[in-house]
Amino acid sequence: MILSALTPIFAIILLGFLISRTPISSQAVWSELERLTYYIFLPALLVLRLSASNFDLQDIGNISEAIGLALFLITVLVLVLRKLVSSDSASLSSIYQGSIRFNTYIGLACIDVLYGDRGLTTAALCLAIYIPLVNVLCVVSLTGGGEGGTKRISRIINSVATNPLVLACVTGIAISYTGFNIPSLAESVIEILSQPALPIGLLAVGAGIRFVSLGEQSWQLLVAAINKLAVFPGLVLAACLLFETPNSIAVILLLLTALPAPPSAYILARQLGGNESLMANIITIQTVAAFFVIPVWIEFANRHL
């Protein structure tokens, strides 16, 4: 049942991969489509869902404590294993990104299919907490040894303050909390803009799949895949049970943390001196493996949460 529901999502990803390998496709087109999705379509979807929601501020606390503890523990684990995983900071930062970041497009598409509008609203609320935390941690890991304190803080603040998904979540939460009614014309425009977010985002995920020469990366790829698809979701599950997180939130959090790393992790690695070839392979391996792993975690969550 779950696998059949999720198969169309991964079929669209595969379609994006196949189209991107044909003569009619170009890297420039896919880059612009992804930019449109990231800066316009997906933010519109998040604003639309959050502004129309009636959430309790306690929900934000529940999400924060569960994801905060899990992020702390996975960070400690990567630091403890750093000598076994990688001898250079660039590769270690890419493994770390691959251990904690997730693909929003795949996640929201899965949640839309399985849990509908209510699930999307909860997911948007999770993103409002999760994305800033992950951005800060990833920028710190990539600049830990190469920038001074002031420059690093400036880069961290900039990464959060200019993230369109963060801004969209904050806007949606503010609209909902204040009870402001979006004018009907503006709401209609936002709704139309939100519709291409998931299909185009999934096609772009497929187009972004690329295998760079694996070389001696097999051990590092294995660690990143196990961390992201098994260890990190397991830590989130344990945190949710520890804090008695409401089931409706726990299931969404678990699904989000079991997702593969996003293409934006490759861009960040390239911009800030990470191991970009390793990051590209981590994204690819995790995206392929996610088709088999995500249904297992969803089934487990539905049975035990």
Protein backbone atom coordinates (compact mmCIF):
# COMPACT_ATOMS: atom_id res chain seq x y z
CA MET A 1 0.00 0.00 0.00
CA ILE A 2 2.66 2.51 1.06
CA LEU A 3 5.06 1.40 -1.68
CA SER A 4 2.36 1.72 -4.36
CA ALA A 5 1.49 5.22 -3.09
CA LEU A 6 5.12 6.35 -3.22
CA THR A 7 6.05 4.70 -6.54
CA PRO A 8 4.68 7.58 -8.70
CA ILE A 9 6.90 10.01 -6.77
CA PHE A 10 10.03 8.07 -7.54
CA ALA A 11 8.80 7.46 -11.09
CA ILE A 12 8.76 11.25 -11.59
CA ILE A 13 12.31 11.44 -10.21
CA LEU A 14 13.36 8.73 -12.67
CA LEU A 15 11.61 10.63 -15.47
CA GLY A 16 13.58 13.75 -14.58
CA PHE A 17 16.80 11.72 -14.69
CA LEU A 18 15.94 10.28 -18.13
CA ILE A 19 14.83 13.60 -19.61
CA SER A 20 18.01 15.30 -18.40
CA ARG A 21 20.05 12.77 -20.42
CA THR A 22 18.29 13.54 -23.73
CA PRO A 23 19.40 16.08 -26.38
CA ILE A 24 16.37 18.28 -25.67
CA SER A 25 17.61 18.95 -22.15
CA SER A 26 20.28 21.31 -20.86
CA GLN A 27 21.83 21.94 -17.46
CA ALA A 28 20.95 25.63 -17.68
CA VAL A 29 17.23 24.84 -18.03
CA TRP A 30 17.22 22.51 -15.02
CA SER A 31 19.15 25.03 -12.92
CA GLU A 32 16.59 27.74 -13.66
CA LEU A 33 13.65 25.42 -12.99
CA GLU A 34 15.15 24.47 -9.65
CA ARG A 35 15.74 28.13 -8.80
CA LEU A 36 12.12 28.97 -9.62
CA THR A 37 10.93 26.10 -7.46
CA TYR A 38 13.24 26.99 -4.58
CA TYR A 39 12.58 30.73 -4.58
CA ILE A 40 8.93 30.96 -5.73
CA PHE A 41 6.88 27.75 -6.04
CA LEU A 42 7.87 25.98 -2.82
CA PRO A 43 7.77 29.14 -0.64
CA ALA A 44 4.28 29.80 -2.02
CA LEU A 45 3.22 26.30 -0.95
CA LEU A 46 4.62 26.77 2.56
CA VAL A 47 3.02 30.19 3.05
CA LEU A 48 -0.32 28.84 1.81
CA ARG A 49 -0.31 25.82 4.15
CA LEU A 50 0.95 27.59 7.28
CA SER A 51 -1.16 30.73 6.93
CA ALA A 52 -4.33 28.62 6.81
CA SER A 53 -3.38 26.41 9.74
CA ASN A 54 -4.44 26.51 13.37
CA PHE A 55 -1.43 25.26 15.26
CA ASP A 56 -0.58 25.36 18.94
CA LEU A 57 2.69 27.00 20.03
CA GLN A 58 3.27 23.81 22.01
CA ASP A 59 3.71 22.07 18.63
CA ILE A 60 6.79 24.21 17.99
CA GLY A 61 8.19 23.18 21.36
CA ASN A 62 7.53 19.49 20.65
CA ILE A 63 9.29 19.69 17.28
CA SER A 64 12.22 21.69 18.65
CA GLU A 65 13.06 19.34 21.52
CA ALA A 66 12.85 16.17 19.42
CA ILE A 67 14.82 17.40 16.42
CA GLY A 68 17.24 19.36 18.62
CA LEU A 69 18.22 16.29 20.63
CA ALA A 70 18.56 14.11 17.52
CA LEU A 71 20.76 16.70 15.76
CA PHE A 72 22.95 17.01 18.86
CA LEU A 73 23.45 13.25 19.08
CA ILE A 74 24.20 12.73 15.37
CA THR A 75 26.67 15.63 15.52
CA VAL A 76 28.46 14.05 18.47
CA LEU A 77 28.52 10.70 16.65
CA VAL A 78 30.12 12.19 13.51
CA LEU A 79 32.71 13.99 15.63
CA VAL A 80 33.54 10.82 17.57
CA LEU A 81 33.95 8.82 14.36
CA ARG A 82 35.77 11.53 12.41
CA LYS A 83 39.16 9.75 12.45
CA LEU A 84 37.60 6.54 11.16
CA VAL A 85 35.47 8.30 8.55
CA SER A 86 37.79 10.85 6.97
CA SER A 87 41.20 12.41 7.45
CA ASP A 88 40.28 15.75 5.84
CA SER A 89 37.72 18.32 6.95
CA ALA A 90 36.26 18.80 3.45
CA SER A 91 35.14 15.16 3.22
CA LEU A 92 33.99 15.12 6.85
CA SER A 93 31.78 18.17 6.27
CA SER A 94 30.20 16.50 3.22
CA ILE A 95 29.52 13.34 5.24
CA TYR A 96 27.99 15.51 7.96
CA GLN A 97 25.75 17.30 5.45
CA GLY A 98 24.75 13.92 4.09
CA SER A 99 23.87 12.78 7.60
CA ILE A 100 21.47 15.58 8.57
CA ARG A 101 20.10 17.39 5.50
CA PHE A 102 16.99 16.22 3.66
CA ASN A 103 15.31 16.71 0.29
CA THR A 104 12.26 18.90 0.86
CA TYR A 105 10.69 18.10 -2.52
CA ILE A 106 10.63 14.34 -1.95
CA GLY A 107 9.46 14.77 1.64
CA LEU A 108 6.53 17.07 0.89
CA ALA A 109 5.46 14.94 -2.08
CA CYS A 110 5.42 11.81 0.10
CA ILE A 111 3.57 13.59 2.90
CA ASP A 112 1.02 15.03 0.46
CA VAL A 113 0.25 11.54 -0.89
CA LEU A 114 0.11 9.84 2.51
CA TYR A 115 -1.28 12.48 4.88
CA GLY A 116 -2.84 15.22 2.73
CA ASP A 117 -3.19 18.88 3.67
CA ARG A 118 -2.99 18.23 7.42
CA GLY A 119 0.33 16.46 6.95
CA LEU A 120 1.66 19.25 4.73
CA THR A 121 0.81 21.82 7.39
CA THR A 122 2.64 19.84 10.08
CA ALA A 123 5.58 19.35 7.72
CA ALA A 124 5.76 23.08 7.03
CA LEU A 125 5.88 23.72 10.77
CA CYS A 126 8.70 21.17 11.10
CA LEU A 127 10.61 22.91 8.30
CA ALA A 128 10.39 26.22 10.17
CA ILE A 129 12.42 24.62 12.98
CA TYR A 130 14.51 22.09 11.11
CA ILE A 131 15.88 24.20 8.22
CA PRO A 132 17.47 27.02 10.29
CA LEU A 133 19.11 24.50 12.67
CA VAL A 134 20.51 22.42 9.82
CA ASN A 135 21.73 25.49 7.91
CA VAL A 136 23.63 26.76 10.93
CA LEU A 137 25.22 23.37 11.64
CA CYS A 138 26.22 22.77 8.00
CA VAL A 139 27.77 26.22 7.54
CA VAL A 140 29.70 25.80 10.81
CA SER A 141 30.98 22.38 9.67
CA LEU A 142 32.09 23.75 6.30
CA THR A 143 33.79 26.88 7.68
CA GLY A 144 35.02 25.53 11.00
CA GLY A 145 38.69 25.76 10.22
CA GLY A 146 38.84 28.28 7.43
CA GLU A 147 37.20 31.50 8.58
CA GLY A 148 37.43 33.89 11.49
CA GLY A 149 34.68 34.18 14.05
CA THR A 150 33.07 37.36 12.69
CA LYS A 151 33.07 36.19 9.09
CA ARG A 152 31.68 32.81 10.07
CA ILE A 153 28.87 34.35 12.14
CA SER A 154 28.03 36.67 9.26
CA ARG A 155 27.84 33.73 6.86
CA ILE A 156 25.63 31.75 9.27
CA ILE A 157 23.21 34.65 9.76
CA ASN A 158 23.10 35.24 6.02
CA SER A 159 22.41 31.56 5.27
CA VAL A 160 19.36 31.59 7.54
CA ALA A 161 18.06 35.12 6.91
CA THR A 162 18.15 34.75 3.11
CA ASN A 163 16.79 31.20 2.91
CA PRO A 164 13.47 31.48 1.03
CA LEU A 165 12.01 28.44 2.79
CA VAL A 166 12.78 29.90 6.21
CA LEU A 167 11.29 33.24 5.20
CA ALA A 168 8.19 31.50 3.84
CA CYS A 169 7.71 29.50 7.03
CA VAL A 170 8.10 32.59 9.22
CA THR A 171 5.66 34.52 7.02
CA GLY A 172 3.08 31.73 7.10
CA ILE A 173 3.36 31.29 10.87
CA ALA A 174 3.06 35.05 11.42
CA ILE A 175 -0.07 35.25 9.24
CA SER A 176 -1.66 32.33 11.07
CA TYR A 177 -0.72 33.57 14.55
CA THR A 178 -1.97 37.12 13.98
CA GLY A 179 -5.19 35.99 12.31
CA PHE A 180 -4.49 38.15 9.26
CA ASN A 181 -6.63 37.26 6.24
CA ILE A 182 -4.77 37.18 2.93
CA PRO A 183 -6.79 39.08 0.29
CA SER A 184 -8.62 36.65 -1.98
CA LEU A 185 -6.77 37.79 -5.11
CA ALA A 186 -3.37 37.37 -3.45
CA GLU A 187 -4.40 33.98 -2.05
CA SER A 188 -5.46 32.80 -5.51
CA VAL A 189 -2.13 33.87 -6.98
CA ILE A 190 -0.21 32.11 -4.19
CA GLU A 191 -2.26 28.95 -4.67
CA ILE A 192 -1.55 28.86 -8.42
CA LEU A 193 2.16 29.44 -7.79
CA SER A 194 2.25 26.60 -5.25
CA GLN A 195 0.93 23.96 -7.65
CA PRO A 196 4.12 23.39 -9.72
CA ALA A 197 6.31 23.11 -6.60
CA LEU A 198 6.28 19.35 -6.08
CA PRO A 199 6.19 17.98 -9.67
CA ILE A 200 8.90 20.32 -10.93
CA GLY A 201 10.90 19.83 -7.74
CA LEU A 202 10.82 16.04 -8.21
CA LEU A 203 11.84 16.29 -11.86
CA ALA A 204 14.74 18.52 -10.81
CA VAL A 205 15.80 15.96 -8.20
CA GLY A 206 16.06 13.34 -10.93
CA ALA A 207 17.95 15.68 -13.23
CA GLY A 208 20.41 16.39 -10.42
CA ILE A 209 21.38 12.74 -9.98
CA ARG A 210 24.97 12.27 -11.10
CA PHE A 211 27.63 9.69 -10.41
CA VAL A 212 31.09 11.13 -9.99
CA SER A 213 33.99 8.67 -9.99
CA LEU A 214 33.61 6.72 -6.75
CA GLY A 215 37.33 6.16 -6.27
CA GLU A 216 38.02 5.49 -2.60
CA GLN A 217 34.72 6.93 -1.38
CA SER A 218 32.84 3.66 -0.81
CA TRP A 219 33.41 3.65 2.97
CA GLN A 220 32.44 7.29 3.32
CA LEU A 221 29.34 6.77 1.17
CA LEU A 222 28.31 3.83 3.33
CA VAL A 223 28.69 5.86 6.54
CA ALA A 224 26.69 8.79 5.14
CA ALA A 225 23.94 6.48 3.88
CA ILE A 226 23.64 4.57 7.17
CA ASN A 227 23.70 7.80 9.20
CA LYS A 228 20.99 9.46 7.12
CA LEU A 229 18.65 6.59 6.36
CA ALA A 230 18.99 4.57 9.57
CA VAL A 231 20.82 6.23 12.48
CA PHE A 232 19.35 9.73 12.30
CA PRO A 233 15.72 8.59 11.90
CA GLY A 234 16.33 6.15 14.76
CA LEU A 235 17.54 8.99 16.96
CA VAL A 236 14.49 11.08 16.04
CA LEU A 237 12.24 8.14 16.88
CA ALA A 238 13.94 7.71 20.25
CA ALA A 239 13.66 11.45 20.97
CA CYS A 240 9.96 11.45 20.07
CA LEU A 241 9.33 8.52 22.41
CA LEU A 242 11.39 10.15 25.16
CA PHE A 243 9.52 13.46 24.96
CA GLU A 244 6.17 11.80 24.21
CA THR A 245 5.81 13.82 21.02
CA PRO A 246 2.25 13.72 19.61
CA ASN A 247 1.88 11.01 16.96
CA SER A 248 0.83 13.45 14.24
CA ILE A 249 4.13 15.32 14.63
CA ALA A 250 6.35 12.31 15.32
CA VAL A 251 5.33 10.52 12.11
CA ILE A 252 6.09 13.58 9.97
CA LEU A 253 9.41 14.22 11.72
CA LEU A 254 10.46 10.62 11.23
CA LEU A 255 9.63 10.72 7.53
CA LEU A 256 11.48 14.00 7.01
CA THR A 257 14.64 12.77 8.71
CA ALA A 258 14.65 9.52 6.68
CA LEU A 259 14.90 11.47 3.41
CA PRO A 260 18.03 11.67 1.21
CA ALA A 261 20.27 14.73 1.15
CA PRO A 262 19.19 17.50 -1.28
CA PRO A 263 21.01 18.89 -4.36
CA SER A 264 21.54 22.15 -2.45
CA ALA A 265 24.03 20.27 -0.25
CA TYR A 266 26.24 19.86 -3.34
CA ILE A 267 26.01 23.58 -4.07
CA LEU A 268 26.94 24.47 -0.48
CA ALA A 269 29.87 22.05 -0.54
CA ARG A 270 31.13 23.60 -3.77
CA GLN A 271 30.76 27.16 -2.47
CA LEU A 272 32.34 26.60 0.95
CA GLY A 273 35.13 24.17 0.13
CA GLY A 274 33.56 20.81 0.91
CA ASN A 275 34.28 17.62 -1.00
CA GLU A 276 31.83 18.21 -3.86
CA SER A 277 32.39 14.90 -5.69
CA LEU A 278 31.72 12.99 -2.46
CA MET A 279 28.63 15.13 -1.83
CA ALA A 280 27.28 14.40 -5.33
CA ASN A 281 27.70 10.66 -4.80
CA ILE A 282 26.12 10.80 -1.33
CA ILE A 283 23.05 12.52 -2.79
CA THR A 284 22.77 9.97 -5.59
CA ILE A 285 23.24 6.88 -3.42
CA GLN A 286 20.81 8.12 -0.79
CA THR A 287 18.16 9.10 -3.37
CA VAL A 288 18.24 5.62 -4.93
CA ALA A 289 18.22 3.89 -1.52
CA ALA A 290 15.40 6.09 -0.22
CA PHE A 291 12.89 4.33 -2.48
CA PHE A 292 13.40 1.18 -0.43
CA VAL A 293 14.04 2.73 3.00
CA ILE A 294 11.28 5.36 3.29
CA PRO A 295 8.39 2.83 3.07
CA VAL A 296 10.00 0.81 5.87
CA TRP A 297 10.18 3.82 8.20
CA ILE A 298 6.63 4.91 7.34
CA GLU A 299 5.28 1.42 8.02
CA PHE A 300 7.22 1.30 11.28
CA ALA A 301 5.89 4.72 12.33
CA ASN A 302 2.31 3.80 11.53
CA ARG A 303 2.59 0.66 13.64
CA HIS A 304 4.50 1.97 16.67
CA LEU A 305 3.78 5.72 17.00
